[in-house]
C-alpha cells in the first residue's frame, strides 16, 4: 500500500466532508436532538455516498459518469425536494427540553439512509473526485491500485463526522431550551436556503 496515496485520500475525504452544507447542519441538529450515534450515522451516510462516487471516479466508469452528467438536473431536483422536506420537518417539529432528552436508538437506519440519498443527489461530487484523482494519476486504474486512495477518503470523510458530532455533544450540555429552539430555527432556515440555491441553479440550467 502506498502510504502517500492513503494520506492524499484522507485529505481529500476531509475536503469533501468539512465544508458546511446541508449534511453538516443535519448532523449537528440530529446530534443535539437524538444523540451522538444519530449524528454519526447521518454523517456515515454521506461518507458512503462519497466513497461510492470515489470508486466511480477512480475506475473511470464512463457509462456511470455520462449518466450522472446527463441527468444531473434531475438529481439536483430530487435533492431540492429532499431539502425542502427536511427543512420543513425541522422547523415544524417541537423541540424538547435538553434536560429531558435521552439518546434515541430508533430510526438510525433512516438517519443513515436519508443522508446517503441526499448526498447521492449531488452528482457533481464524482466530477470533483475525477478532477483530483487525475492530478494524482489515479484515474482508470484497477480497484486494487486505487484501494489506498479510496481507503483514505473513507477515513477522512468518516472521521470528520465523529469529530463534528463529538464537538456538538460538548456544546449540547450547555444548551438551554430557548437556545435549542433557535438552533432548530437556524438549521431549518439554512437547509431551506440550500434548497433555494439549488432551485436557482436549476432555473438557470433550464432557461
N, C-alpha and C. Protein backbone atom coordinates (compact mmCIF):
# COMPACT_ATOMS: atom_id res chain seq x y z
N UNK A 1 0.83 -1.20 0.00
CA UNK A 1 0.00 0.00 0.00
C UNK A 1 0.87 1.25 0.00
N UNK A 2 0.56 2.17 -0.91
CA UNK A 2 1.30 3.43 -0.95
C UNK A 2 0.77 4.37 0.12
N UNK A 3 1.62 4.64 1.13
CA UNK A 3 1.21 5.48 2.24
C UNK A 3 0.86 6.89 1.77
N UNK A 4 1.59 7.39 0.76
CA UNK A 4 1.34 8.75 0.28
C UNK A 4 -0.07 8.88 -0.29
N UNK A 5 -0.53 7.84 -1.00
CA UNK A 5 -1.88 7.86 -1.55
C UNK A 5 -2.93 7.78 -0.44
N UNK A 6 -2.61 7.05 0.61
CA UNK A 6 -3.52 6.94 1.75
C UNK A 6 -3.75 8.32 2.37
N UNK A 7 -2.64 9.05 2.59
CA UNK A 7 -2.75 10.38 3.20
C UNK A 7 -3.43 11.38 2.26
N UNK A 8 -3.17 11.23 0.97
CA UNK A 8 -3.86 12.09 0.00
C UNK A 8 -5.36 11.83 0.04
N UNK A 9 -5.73 10.56 0.17
CA UNK A 9 -7.13 10.19 0.26
C UNK A 9 -7.79 10.76 1.51
N UNK A 10 -7.07 10.70 2.64
CA UNK A 10 -7.60 11.26 3.89
C UNK A 10 -7.85 12.76 3.74
N UNK A 11 -6.88 13.45 3.14
CA UNK A 11 -7.03 14.90 2.91
C UNK A 11 -8.22 15.19 2.00
N UNK A 12 -8.36 14.38 0.96
CA UNK A 12 -9.47 14.55 0.03
C UNK A 12 -10.81 14.31 0.72
N UNK A 13 -10.87 13.26 1.54
CA UNK A 13 -12.10 12.96 2.28
C UNK A 13 -12.50 14.09 3.20
N UNK A 14 -11.51 14.70 3.85
CA UNK A 14 -11.78 15.85 4.72
C UNK A 14 -12.27 17.05 3.91
N UNK A 15 -11.66 17.26 2.75
CA UNK A 15 -12.06 18.38 1.89
C UNK A 15 -13.51 18.26 1.43
N UNK A 16 -13.94 17.02 1.22
CA UNK A 16 -15.32 16.79 0.78
C UNK A 16 -16.30 16.96 1.94
N UNK A 17 -15.90 16.52 3.15
CA UNK A 17 -16.83 16.47 4.28
C UNK A 17 -16.90 17.77 5.08
N UNK A 18 -15.77 18.46 5.25
CA UNK A 18 -15.72 19.59 6.18
C UNK A 18 -16.57 20.79 5.79
N UNK A 19 -16.61 21.21 4.51
CA UNK A 19 -17.41 22.41 4.19
C UNK A 19 -18.83 22.29 4.72
N UNK A 20 -19.29 23.36 5.38
CA UNK A 20 -20.62 23.33 5.99
C UNK A 20 -21.68 23.34 4.91
N UNK A 21 -22.46 22.28 4.86
CA UNK A 21 -23.55 22.15 3.89
C UNK A 21 -24.76 21.56 4.59
N UNK A 22 -25.76 21.16 3.83
CA UNK A 22 -26.98 20.61 4.45
C UNK A 22 -26.72 19.37 5.29
N UNK A 23 -25.75 18.53 4.87
CA UNK A 23 -25.46 17.32 5.66
C UNK A 23 -24.85 17.68 7.00
N UNK A 24 -23.92 18.63 7.00
CA UNK A 24 -23.30 19.06 8.25
C UNK A 24 -24.32 19.63 9.21
N UNK A 25 -25.21 20.46 8.70
CA UNK A 25 -26.26 21.05 9.53
C UNK A 25 -27.18 19.96 10.07
N UNK A 26 -27.51 19.00 9.21
CA UNK A 26 -28.38 17.90 9.61
C UNK A 26 -27.74 17.06 10.71
N UNK A 27 -26.45 16.80 10.57
CA UNK A 27 -25.72 16.01 11.58
C UNK A 27 -25.71 16.72 12.93
N UNK A 28 -25.46 18.02 12.91
CA UNK A 28 -25.44 18.80 14.15
C UNK A 28 -26.81 18.79 14.81
N UNK A 29 -27.85 19.00 14.00
CA UNK A 29 -29.21 19.04 14.53
C UNK A 29 -29.61 17.69 15.13
N UNK A 30 -29.28 16.60 14.42
CA UNK A 30 -29.65 15.27 14.92
C UNK A 30 -28.84 14.89 16.16
N UNK A 31 -27.59 15.33 16.21
CA UNK A 31 -26.78 15.06 17.40
C UNK A 31 -27.39 15.72 18.62
N UNK A 32 -27.85 16.94 18.45
CA UNK A 32 -28.45 17.69 19.56
C UNK A 32 -29.78 17.06 19.98
N UNK A 33 -30.59 16.67 19.01
CA UNK A 33 -31.94 16.22 19.31
C UNK A 33 -32.04 14.72 19.61
N UNK A 34 -31.19 13.90 18.97
CA UNK A 34 -31.31 12.45 19.10
C UNK A 34 -30.10 11.77 19.72
N UNK A 35 -28.97 12.50 19.76
CA UNK A 35 -27.79 11.92 20.38
C UNK A 35 -26.63 11.71 19.41
N UNK A 36 -25.49 11.35 19.98
CA UNK A 36 -24.24 11.22 19.23
C UNK A 36 -24.34 10.18 18.10
N UNK A 37 -24.92 9.03 18.39
CA UNK A 37 -24.97 7.95 17.40
C UNK A 37 -25.80 8.36 16.19
N UNK A 38 -26.90 9.06 16.43
CA UNK A 38 -27.75 9.51 15.33
C UNK A 38 -26.99 10.47 14.41
N UNK A 39 -26.24 11.39 15.02
CA UNK A 39 -25.45 12.33 14.23
C UNK A 39 -24.38 11.63 13.41
N UNK A 40 -23.68 10.69 14.04
CA UNK A 40 -22.63 9.95 13.34
C UNK A 40 -23.20 9.11 12.20
N UNK A 41 -24.33 8.45 12.45
CA UNK A 41 -24.96 7.63 11.41
C UNK A 41 -25.36 8.49 10.21
N UNK A 42 -25.82 9.70 10.49
CA UNK A 42 -26.17 10.61 9.41
C UNK A 42 -24.93 10.97 8.59
N UNK A 43 -23.83 11.23 9.29
CA UNK A 43 -22.58 11.55 8.60
C UNK A 43 -22.04 10.38 7.80
N UNK A 44 -22.18 9.18 8.34
CA UNK A 44 -21.66 8.00 7.65
C UNK A 44 -22.46 7.70 6.38
N UNK A 45 -23.72 8.13 6.35
CA UNK A 45 -24.49 8.02 5.11
C UNK A 45 -23.85 8.83 4.01
N UNK A 46 -23.43 10.05 4.36
CA UNK A 46 -22.74 10.91 3.39
C UNK A 46 -21.39 10.32 3.00
N UNK A 47 -20.69 9.74 3.97
CA UNK A 47 -19.40 9.11 3.69
C UNK A 47 -19.53 7.96 2.71
N UNK A 48 -20.58 7.16 2.86
CA UNK A 48 -20.83 6.06 1.94
C UNK A 48 -21.01 6.56 0.51
N UNK A 49 -21.79 7.65 0.37
CA UNK A 49 -22.00 8.23 -0.96
C UNK A 49 -20.69 8.75 -1.54
N UNK A 50 -19.89 9.42 -0.70
CA UNK A 50 -18.58 9.92 -1.15
C UNK A 50 -17.70 8.77 -1.62
N UNK A 51 -17.73 7.69 -0.86
CA UNK A 51 -16.90 6.52 -1.19
C UNK A 51 -17.34 5.90 -2.51
N UNK A 52 -18.64 5.77 -2.72
CA UNK A 52 -19.16 5.20 -3.97
C UNK A 52 -18.78 6.07 -5.16
N UNK A 53 -18.92 7.38 -5.01
CA UNK A 53 -18.53 8.29 -6.09
C UNK A 53 -17.03 8.24 -6.32
N UNK A 54 -16.27 8.02 -5.24
CA UNK A 54 -14.82 7.90 -5.38
C UNK A 54 -14.44 6.67 -6.19
N UNK A 55 -15.15 5.57 -5.97
CA UNK A 55 -14.90 4.34 -6.75
C UNK A 55 -15.17 4.58 -8.23
N UNK A 56 -16.30 5.24 -8.52
CA UNK A 56 -16.65 5.54 -9.91
C UNK A 56 -15.57 6.39 -10.57
N UNK A 57 -15.09 7.40 -9.83
CA UNK A 57 -14.06 8.29 -10.38
C UNK A 57 -12.75 7.56 -10.60
N UNK A 58 -12.33 6.75 -9.62
CA UNK A 58 -11.05 6.05 -9.72
C UNK A 58 -11.04 5.04 -10.86
N UNK A 59 -12.16 4.36 -11.03
CA UNK A 59 -12.23 3.34 -12.08
C UNK A 59 -12.56 3.94 -13.44
N UNK A 60 -12.89 5.22 -13.46
CA UNK A 60 -13.21 5.87 -14.73
C UNK A 60 -14.37 5.21 -15.44
N UNK A 61 -15.43 4.92 -14.68
CA UNK A 61 -16.60 4.24 -15.26
C UNK A 61 -17.38 5.25 -16.10
N UNK A 62 -17.08 5.28 -17.38
CA UNK A 62 -17.63 6.29 -18.28
C UNK A 62 -19.15 6.22 -18.38
N UNK A 63 -19.70 5.01 -18.41
CA UNK A 63 -21.15 4.86 -18.53
C UNK A 63 -21.86 5.54 -17.37
N UNK A 64 -21.31 5.38 -16.16
CA UNK A 64 -21.93 5.97 -14.97
C UNK A 64 -21.78 7.48 -14.97
N UNK A 65 -20.56 7.96 -15.28
CA UNK A 65 -20.33 9.40 -15.28
C UNK A 65 -21.16 10.10 -16.35
N UNK A 66 -21.31 9.46 -17.50
CA UNK A 66 -22.16 10.03 -18.56
C UNK A 66 -23.61 10.10 -18.10
N UNK A 67 -24.07 9.05 -17.41
CA UNK A 67 -25.44 9.02 -16.90
C UNK A 67 -25.66 10.13 -15.88
N UNK A 68 -24.71 10.28 -14.95
CA UNK A 68 -24.82 11.31 -13.92
C UNK A 68 -24.79 12.71 -14.53
N UNK A 69 -23.96 12.88 -15.55
CA UNK A 69 -23.85 14.18 -16.20
C UNK A 69 -25.13 14.52 -16.95
N UNK A 70 -25.69 13.53 -17.64
CA UNK A 70 -26.88 13.77 -18.47
C UNK A 70 -28.11 14.07 -17.61
N UNK A 71 -28.21 13.38 -16.48
CA UNK A 71 -29.40 13.52 -15.62
C UNK A 71 -29.12 14.35 -14.36
N UNK A 72 -28.05 15.14 -14.37
CA UNK A 72 -27.68 15.86 -13.16
C UNK A 72 -28.76 16.82 -12.68
N UNK A 73 -29.50 17.43 -13.62
CA UNK A 73 -30.57 18.35 -13.21
C UNK A 73 -31.68 17.62 -12.47
N UNK A 74 -31.96 16.39 -12.91
CA UNK A 74 -32.96 15.59 -12.21
C UNK A 74 -32.48 15.20 -10.82
N UNK A 75 -31.20 14.86 -10.71
CA UNK A 75 -30.63 14.55 -9.40
C UNK A 75 -30.73 15.76 -8.47
N UNK A 76 -30.41 16.94 -9.01
CA UNK A 76 -30.49 18.15 -8.21
C UNK A 76 -31.93 18.45 -7.80
N UNK A 77 -32.88 18.17 -8.69
CA UNK A 77 -34.29 18.39 -8.36
C UNK A 77 -34.73 17.49 -7.21
N UNK A 78 -34.29 16.22 -7.25
CA UNK A 78 -34.60 15.29 -6.16
C UNK A 78 -33.99 15.79 -4.85
N UNK A 79 -32.74 16.28 -4.94
CA UNK A 79 -32.08 16.84 -3.76
C UNK A 79 -32.83 18.04 -3.23
N UNK A 80 -33.36 18.88 -4.13
CA UNK A 80 -34.15 20.05 -3.76
C UNK A 80 -35.39 19.62 -2.96
N UNK A 81 -36.08 18.58 -3.43
CA UNK A 81 -37.27 18.07 -2.74
C UNK A 81 -36.89 17.54 -1.35
N UNK A 82 -35.79 16.77 -1.28
CA UNK A 82 -35.32 16.24 -0.01
C UNK A 82 -35.08 17.36 1.00
N UNK A 83 -34.38 18.41 0.55
CA UNK A 83 -34.04 19.51 1.45
C UNK A 83 -35.28 20.25 1.93
N UNK A 84 -36.24 20.44 1.03
CA UNK A 84 -37.49 21.09 1.42
C UNK A 84 -38.18 20.31 2.53
N UNK A 85 -38.28 18.99 2.34
CA UNK A 85 -38.95 18.13 3.32
C UNK A 85 -38.22 18.16 4.66
N UNK A 86 -36.89 18.02 4.62
CA UNK A 86 -36.08 18.01 5.85
C UNK A 86 -36.16 19.36 6.55
N UNK A 87 -36.03 20.45 5.80
CA UNK A 87 -36.07 21.79 6.39
C UNK A 87 -37.40 22.07 7.07
N UNK A 88 -38.50 21.75 6.41
CA UNK A 88 -39.83 21.98 6.98
C UNK A 88 -40.06 21.11 8.22
N UNK A 89 -39.58 19.86 8.16
CA UNK A 89 -39.76 18.96 9.30
C UNK A 89 -39.02 19.48 10.54
N UNK A 90 -37.85 20.08 10.33
CA UNK A 90 -37.09 20.64 11.45
C UNK A 90 -37.80 21.87 12.02
N UNK A 91 -38.33 22.71 11.14
CA UNK A 91 -38.99 23.94 11.59
C UNK A 91 -40.32 23.67 12.29
N UNK A 92 -41.00 22.61 11.92
CA UNK A 92 -42.32 22.34 12.47
C UNK A 92 -42.31 21.38 13.66
N UNK A 93 -41.20 20.67 13.86
CA UNK A 93 -41.14 19.73 14.97
C UNK A 93 -40.84 20.47 16.27
N UNK A 94 -41.62 20.21 17.30
CA UNK A 94 -41.44 20.90 18.57
C UNK A 94 -40.18 20.40 19.27
N UNK A 95 -39.30 21.32 19.68
CA UNK A 95 -38.08 20.90 20.38
C UNK A 95 -38.39 20.44 21.80
N UNK A 96 -37.53 19.56 22.30
CA UNK A 96 -37.68 19.07 23.67
C UNK A 96 -36.66 19.75 24.56
N UNK A 97 -36.98 19.81 25.82
CA UNK A 97 -36.05 20.36 26.81
C UNK A 97 -34.80 19.47 26.84
N UNK A 98 -33.59 20.06 26.72
CA UNK A 98 -32.34 19.26 26.73
C UNK A 98 -32.21 18.37 27.95
N UNK A 99 -32.73 18.83 29.09
CA UNK A 99 -32.60 18.04 30.31
C UNK A 99 -33.49 16.80 30.28
N UNK A 100 -34.51 16.83 29.41
CA UNK A 100 -35.44 15.70 29.31
C UNK A 100 -35.07 14.75 28.17
N UNK A 101 -34.04 15.12 27.40
CA UNK A 101 -33.68 14.32 26.23
C UNK A 101 -32.87 13.09 26.63
N UNK A 102 -33.15 11.99 25.96
CA UNK A 102 -32.34 10.78 26.10
C UNK A 102 -31.97 10.32 24.70
N UNK A 103 -30.79 9.75 24.54
CA UNK A 103 -30.38 9.30 23.20
C UNK A 103 -31.38 8.31 22.62
N UNK A 104 -31.71 8.46 21.36
CA UNK A 104 -32.67 7.59 20.70
C UNK A 104 -31.94 6.58 19.82
N UNK A 105 -32.31 5.31 19.95
CA UNK A 105 -31.71 4.28 19.11
C UNK A 105 -32.60 3.96 17.91
N UNK A 106 -33.85 4.42 17.96
CA UNK A 106 -34.77 4.16 16.86
C UNK A 106 -34.48 5.06 15.68
N UNK A 107 -34.68 4.54 14.50
CA UNK A 107 -34.56 5.37 13.31
C UNK A 107 -33.14 5.64 12.85
N UNK A 108 -32.16 4.89 13.38
CA UNK A 108 -30.77 5.13 12.99
C UNK A 108 -30.54 4.79 11.52
N UNK A 109 -31.16 3.71 11.05
CA UNK A 109 -31.01 3.36 9.64
C UNK A 109 -31.63 4.43 8.76
N UNK A 110 -32.74 5.00 9.20
CA UNK A 110 -33.39 6.09 8.47
C UNK A 110 -32.48 7.31 8.41
N UNK A 111 -31.81 7.60 9.54
CA UNK A 111 -30.86 8.73 9.57
C UNK A 111 -29.73 8.51 8.55
N UNK A 112 -29.23 7.28 8.54
CA UNK A 112 -28.15 6.92 7.61
C UNK A 112 -28.64 7.02 6.16
N UNK A 113 -29.82 6.46 5.90
CA UNK A 113 -30.33 6.38 4.53
C UNK A 113 -30.66 7.75 3.95
N UNK A 114 -31.27 8.61 4.75
CA UNK A 114 -31.62 9.94 4.24
C UNK A 114 -30.37 10.74 3.86
N UNK A 115 -29.33 10.65 4.67
CA UNK A 115 -28.08 11.35 4.35
C UNK A 115 -27.40 10.75 3.13
N UNK A 116 -27.45 9.42 3.01
CA UNK A 116 -26.88 8.74 1.84
C UNK A 116 -27.56 9.21 0.57
N UNK A 117 -28.89 9.19 0.56
CA UNK A 117 -29.64 9.57 -0.63
C UNK A 117 -29.48 11.05 -0.94
N UNK A 118 -29.45 11.88 0.10
CA UNK A 118 -29.28 13.32 -0.11
C UNK A 118 -27.93 13.63 -0.74
N UNK A 119 -26.88 12.94 -0.29
CA UNK A 119 -25.54 13.16 -0.85
C UNK A 119 -25.45 12.62 -2.27
N UNK A 120 -26.11 11.50 -2.53
CA UNK A 120 -26.09 10.92 -3.87
C UNK A 120 -26.80 11.81 -4.90
N UNK A 121 -27.67 12.71 -4.44
CA UNK A 121 -28.36 13.59 -5.37
C UNK A 121 -27.48 14.73 -5.85
N UNK A 122 -26.23 14.76 -5.38
CA UNK A 122 -25.27 15.76 -5.86
C UNK A 122 -24.19 15.07 -6.69
N UNK A 123 -24.48 14.78 -7.98
CA UNK A 123 -23.52 14.04 -8.82
C UNK A 123 -22.25 14.83 -9.13
N UNK A 124 -22.25 16.12 -8.80
CA UNK A 124 -21.03 16.91 -9.05
C UNK A 124 -19.87 16.40 -8.21
N UNK A 125 -20.19 15.67 -7.13
CA UNK A 125 -19.15 15.11 -6.27
C UNK A 125 -18.22 14.19 -7.07
N UNK A 126 -18.80 13.37 -7.96
CA UNK A 126 -17.99 12.43 -8.72
C UNK A 126 -17.04 13.16 -9.66
N UNK A 127 -17.46 14.30 -10.19
CA UNK A 127 -16.59 15.06 -11.09
C UNK A 127 -15.49 15.78 -10.31
N UNK A 128 -15.79 16.13 -9.05
CA UNK A 128 -14.75 16.68 -8.18
C UNK A 128 -13.68 15.62 -7.94
N UNK A 129 -14.12 14.38 -7.66
CA UNK A 129 -13.17 13.28 -7.46
C UNK A 129 -12.36 13.02 -8.72
N UNK A 130 -13.01 13.06 -9.86
CA UNK A 130 -12.30 12.82 -11.13
C UNK A 130 -11.20 13.85 -11.32
N UNK A 131 -11.51 15.11 -11.04
CA UNK A 131 -10.52 16.19 -11.21
C UNK A 131 -9.32 15.97 -10.29
N UNK A 132 -9.59 15.61 -9.05
CA UNK A 132 -8.50 15.42 -8.08
C UNK A 132 -7.73 14.14 -8.38
N UNK A 133 -8.45 13.05 -8.67
CA UNK A 133 -7.79 11.79 -8.96
C UNK A 133 -6.91 11.88 -10.20
N UNK A 134 -7.31 12.72 -11.17
CA UNK A 134 -6.49 12.91 -12.36
C UNK A 134 -5.14 13.51 -11.98
N UNK A 135 -5.17 14.48 -11.06
CA UNK A 135 -3.92 15.09 -10.61
C UNK A 135 -3.05 14.10 -9.84
N UNK A 136 -3.69 13.07 -9.27
CA UNK A 136 -2.96 12.03 -8.54
C UNK A 136 -2.57 10.86 -9.44
N UNK A 137 -2.90 10.95 -10.77
CA UNK A 137 -2.69 9.84 -11.70
C UNK A 137 -3.39 8.58 -11.22
N UNK A 138 -4.61 8.76 -10.70
CA UNK A 138 -5.35 7.62 -10.15
C UNK A 138 -6.66 7.37 -10.89
N UNK A 139 -6.71 7.81 -12.13
CA UNK A 139 -7.90 7.58 -12.96
C UNK A 139 -7.66 6.37 -13.86
N UNK A 140 -8.71 5.59 -14.09
CA UNK A 140 -8.64 4.41 -14.96
C UNK A 140 -7.61 3.39 -14.48
N UNK A 141 -7.54 3.21 -13.15
CA UNK A 141 -6.65 2.20 -12.59
C UNK A 141 -7.49 1.05 -12.09
N UNK A 142 -6.83 -0.05 -11.76
CA UNK A 142 -7.57 -1.18 -11.19
C UNK A 142 -8.01 -0.83 -9.78
N UNK A 143 -9.08 -1.49 -9.34
CA UNK A 143 -9.59 -1.22 -8.00
C UNK A 143 -8.53 -1.50 -6.94
N UNK A 144 -7.70 -2.52 -7.17
CA UNK A 144 -6.66 -2.88 -6.22
C UNK A 144 -5.67 -1.73 -6.04
N UNK A 145 -5.28 -1.10 -7.16
CA UNK A 145 -4.32 0.01 -7.09
C UNK A 145 -4.95 1.28 -6.51
N UNK A 146 -6.28 1.38 -6.60
CA UNK A 146 -6.96 2.57 -6.09
C UNK A 146 -7.33 2.44 -4.62
N UNK A 147 -7.14 1.24 -4.04
CA UNK A 147 -7.57 0.99 -2.66
C UNK A 147 -6.98 1.98 -1.65
N UNK A 148 -5.65 2.28 -1.69
CA UNK A 148 -5.11 3.22 -0.69
C UNK A 148 -5.80 4.58 -0.72
N UNK A 149 -6.04 5.10 -1.92
CA UNK A 149 -6.68 6.41 -2.06
C UNK A 149 -8.12 6.36 -1.56
N UNK A 150 -8.85 5.32 -1.95
CA UNK A 150 -10.25 5.19 -1.55
C UNK A 150 -10.38 4.94 -0.05
N UNK A 151 -9.46 4.17 0.50
CA UNK A 151 -9.47 3.93 1.94
C UNK A 151 -9.22 5.24 2.69
N UNK A 152 -8.35 6.07 2.15
CA UNK A 152 -8.08 7.37 2.75
C UNK A 152 -9.32 8.26 2.72
N UNK A 153 -10.04 8.24 1.60
CA UNK A 153 -11.29 9.01 1.50
C UNK A 153 -12.27 8.56 2.57
N UNK A 154 -12.38 7.25 2.76
CA UNK A 154 -13.28 6.69 3.76
C UNK A 154 -12.89 7.14 5.17
N UNK A 155 -11.60 7.11 5.46
CA UNK A 155 -11.12 7.50 6.79
C UNK A 155 -11.31 9.01 7.01
N UNK A 156 -10.94 9.81 6.01
CA UNK A 156 -11.03 11.26 6.15
C UNK A 156 -12.46 11.74 6.29
N UNK A 157 -13.32 11.29 5.38
CA UNK A 157 -14.72 11.72 5.40
C UNK A 157 -15.44 11.17 6.63
N UNK A 158 -15.26 9.87 6.89
CA UNK A 158 -15.94 9.27 8.05
C UNK A 158 -15.44 9.83 9.37
N UNK A 159 -14.13 10.02 9.47
CA UNK A 159 -13.56 10.53 10.71
C UNK A 159 -14.06 11.91 11.08
N UNK A 160 -14.31 12.73 10.05
CA UNK A 160 -14.77 14.09 10.31
C UNK A 160 -16.10 14.09 11.06
N UNK A 161 -17.01 13.18 10.71
CA UNK A 161 -18.33 13.17 11.36
C UNK A 161 -18.24 12.76 12.81
N UNK A 162 -17.31 11.87 13.15
CA UNK A 162 -17.10 11.52 14.56
C UNK A 162 -16.62 12.74 15.34
N UNK A 163 -15.73 13.51 14.72
CA UNK A 163 -15.20 14.71 15.38
C UNK A 163 -16.28 15.78 15.53
N UNK A 164 -17.01 16.05 14.43
CA UNK A 164 -18.04 17.09 14.46
C UNK A 164 -19.12 16.77 15.49
N UNK A 165 -19.59 15.53 15.50
CA UNK A 165 -20.64 15.15 16.44
C UNK A 165 -20.13 15.16 17.88
N UNK A 166 -18.86 14.83 18.07
CA UNK A 166 -18.26 14.89 19.40
C UNK A 166 -18.21 16.31 19.93
N UNK A 167 -17.80 17.25 19.07
CA UNK A 167 -17.77 18.66 19.45
C UNK A 167 -19.17 19.16 19.77
N UNK A 168 -20.13 18.76 18.94
CA UNK A 168 -21.53 19.17 19.15
C UNK A 168 -22.04 18.68 20.50
N UNK A 169 -21.70 17.44 20.87
CA UNK A 169 -22.15 16.89 22.15
C UNK A 169 -21.59 17.69 23.33
N UNK A 170 -20.36 18.20 23.18
CA UNK A 170 -19.76 19.01 24.24
C UNK A 170 -20.57 20.28 24.47
N UNK A 171 -20.98 20.91 23.35
CA UNK A 171 -21.74 22.16 23.47
C UNK A 171 -23.18 21.90 23.88
N UNK A 172 -23.69 20.71 23.57
CA UNK A 172 -25.08 20.39 23.88
C UNK A 172 -25.37 20.50 25.37
N UNK A 173 -24.39 20.14 26.19
CA UNK A 173 -24.57 20.16 27.65
C UNK A 173 -24.85 21.57 28.17
N UNK A 174 -24.42 22.58 27.42
CA UNK A 174 -24.58 23.96 27.87
C UNK A 174 -25.81 24.64 27.25
N UNK A 175 -26.59 23.89 26.46
CA UNK A 175 -27.70 24.50 25.74
C UNK A 175 -28.97 24.54 26.58
N UNK A 176 -29.60 25.69 26.58
CA UNK A 176 -30.89 25.85 27.23
C UNK A 176 -32.00 25.51 26.25
N UNK A 177 -33.21 25.36 26.76
CA UNK A 177 -34.36 25.07 25.91
C UNK A 177 -34.57 26.20 24.90
N UNK A 178 -34.40 27.43 25.36
CA UNK A 178 -34.59 28.59 24.47
C UNK A 178 -33.56 28.59 23.35
N UNK A 179 -32.31 28.27 23.69
CA UNK A 179 -31.25 28.23 22.68
C UNK A 179 -31.49 27.10 21.69
N UNK A 180 -32.02 25.98 22.18
CA UNK A 180 -32.31 24.84 21.32
C UNK A 180 -33.35 25.21 20.27
N UNK A 181 -34.34 25.99 20.65
CA UNK A 181 -35.36 26.44 19.72
C UNK A 181 -34.73 27.28 18.61
N UNK A 182 -33.73 28.10 18.98
CA UNK A 182 -33.03 28.92 17.99
C UNK A 182 -32.22 28.05 17.04
N UNK A 183 -31.61 26.99 17.58
CA UNK A 183 -30.84 26.07 16.75
C UNK A 183 -31.74 25.44 15.70
N UNK A 184 -32.93 25.01 16.11
CA UNK A 184 -33.88 24.42 15.17
C UNK A 184 -34.27 25.42 14.09
N UNK A 185 -34.53 26.66 14.51
CA UNK A 185 -34.93 27.70 13.57
C UNK A 185 -33.83 27.97 12.55
N UNK A 186 -32.59 28.12 13.04
CA UNK A 186 -31.45 28.40 12.16
C UNK A 186 -31.19 27.22 11.23
N UNK A 187 -31.23 26.00 11.79
CA UNK A 187 -30.99 24.80 10.97
C UNK A 187 -32.01 24.69 9.84
N UNK A 188 -33.28 24.85 10.19
CA UNK A 188 -34.34 24.75 9.19
C UNK A 188 -34.20 25.79 8.10
N UNK A 189 -33.90 27.03 8.51
CA UNK A 189 -33.76 28.13 7.54
C UNK A 189 -32.56 27.89 6.62
N UNK A 190 -31.45 27.44 7.19
CA UNK A 190 -30.25 27.19 6.38
C UNK A 190 -30.49 26.08 5.36
N UNK A 191 -31.14 25.00 5.80
CA UNK A 191 -31.41 23.89 4.89
C UNK A 191 -32.36 24.32 3.78
N UNK A 192 -33.38 25.11 4.13
CA UNK A 192 -34.28 25.65 3.11
C UNK A 192 -33.52 26.60 2.18
N UNK A 193 -32.55 27.31 2.76
CA UNK A 193 -31.71 28.20 1.94
C UNK A 193 -30.92 27.44 0.90
N UNK A 194 -30.39 26.27 1.28
CA UNK A 194 -29.67 25.43 0.32
C UNK A 194 -30.62 24.95 -0.79
N UNK A 195 -31.87 24.67 -0.41
CA UNK A 195 -32.84 24.22 -1.42
C UNK A 195 -33.15 25.34 -2.41
N UNK A 196 -33.23 26.57 -1.92
CA UNK A 196 -33.47 27.72 -2.79
C UNK A 196 -32.29 27.93 -3.75
N UNK A 197 -31.09 27.73 -3.23
CA UNK A 197 -29.89 27.86 -4.06
C UNK A 197 -29.90 26.82 -5.18
N UNK A 198 -30.29 25.58 -4.84
CA UNK A 198 -30.38 24.52 -5.86
C UNK A 198 -31.44 24.88 -6.89
N UNK A 199 -32.59 25.39 -6.42
CA UNK A 199 -33.67 25.78 -7.33
C UNK A 199 -33.21 26.88 -8.29
N UNK A 200 -32.45 27.83 -7.76
CA UNK A 200 -31.92 28.92 -8.59
C UNK A 200 -31.01 28.38 -9.69
N UNK A 201 -30.12 27.45 -9.32
CA UNK A 201 -29.21 26.86 -10.31
C UNK A 201 -29.96 26.03 -11.34
N UNK A 202 -31.02 25.35 -10.89
CA UNK A 202 -31.83 24.56 -11.83
C UNK A 202 -32.53 25.46 -12.84
N UNK A 203 -33.05 26.56 -12.36
CA UNK A 203 -33.74 27.52 -13.27
C UNK A 203 -32.75 28.08 -14.29
N UNK A 204 -31.53 28.39 -13.81
CA UNK A 204 -30.50 28.90 -14.74
C UNK A 204 -30.14 27.83 -15.78
N UNK A 205 -30.03 26.58 -15.34
CA UNK A 205 -29.63 25.50 -16.25
C UNK A 205 -30.70 25.22 -17.30
N UNK A 206 -31.96 25.34 -16.90
CA UNK A 206 -33.08 25.03 -17.81
C UNK A 206 -33.33 26.18 -18.79
N UNK A 207 -33.26 27.39 -18.24
CA UNK A 207 -33.60 28.55 -19.08
C UNK A 207 -32.35 29.34 -19.50
